[in-house]
Amino acid sequence: MFNTNLRHRPSVANLISTVVSPPPRGLSLLESALPEHDLAVPIPNTNPQRTLRMLVLTPSSAADLPRIQRFASLTGGQDVAVVFHMDRSPTITSTASSASSVPRHPQQGSIGAAVNDGSEGEEPTQTSPLAAFHALEILLLDSALALPLIPLPRPAALPRLVSAFLRGVAQANAAGHGPRNAQQQSQANVPRGRGTGGLAIPTSAPVNAALDLLPWCSSEAPLRREHVHILSDLCPNLRSVAELAAWAGRAEGYRGRIRGEEEIGEGMSRREIERAARAWRLLSEYLGERAARGVVEFWEKETVVL
């Protein structure tokens, strides 16, 4: 099920078509008034049946600590996760305002009735999604709220990321761990790759916060697992990744051949031109031209204080 209140939040209304669509492109969820959470998805092969409850946050709602605390207390921290909606595409207002095409839960009241969770009238924000995600991690750590985070780059990725998370829960159950609370899940290791979309899957090793963000530092996110590991070897932190990408974006090899721009290097010293060329050569040789271009384009669009 999904919370009726999603319709009253402009920054997440573009999720509606995805959550109501049938698999594999959607989650096929009914609409209902959910208490303190936004999405509820059954966990397969559990007896008695368990449900994964998810809270959807955006850069404009990530600082709502009281709501996050209420959500964390729902089940004692078991079978919960936070979906962080990073997409900046325009809100699909027509989908948000339409109620006729969405199935209703038999016990649901009026579709137009909002659940008062403190999110109504959510204002658009210019905050960088990556910076807001980083701030949310700090907020959770400072508040001793160990909740699994699922970064969502675009609405269409939601079914794949939720399925990957559910597979991780199933693997933990099969390994004999049984139901895990949020503290155990957030201390899980983070397998990467196309299968998981860079998602945190419950296992047993500590989380590396930089690796948790790095797969999404590309205009074609998520980065492949090998590219994440290469970047983490080349750069000690996200600031270094941003600096490397910034210099690569000034290189003749990138701006001349990839962008088709002329007068490359104008206003740059010879040393700066050489440094930019080395940065682009380093990224393109280790990641390949397409992946390197994705990293450069991402940091061209994002202004993040790290």
Foldseek 3Di string as FASTA:
>chain_A
DFELQLLQFQVRQQLVVAQCDDPPQHVNDAYAHDPLFTDWHWQPPDVVIDIATEHEAELQRLPVVVSVVVNLPPPVQWRYAYEYEQEPDGGPNVSSPDDPVGHHDPPHDDSPDHDPSPRGPRDDDPAHRLQSVVVSVVVCVVVVNQHFYHYDHDSSCVSQQVVLQSVLVVVCVVVVNPIDGSNQQSQAEFDDAPNNQRGRRRDHHGYDVQSSRQLVLFQPGRDGPQLSVVVVVVDVGVVRLLVLLQLLCLECVCCCPVVVDPPRQVPHDPVSNVSSNVSVCVQCVRRNNVRSNGNSVSSVPDDHDD
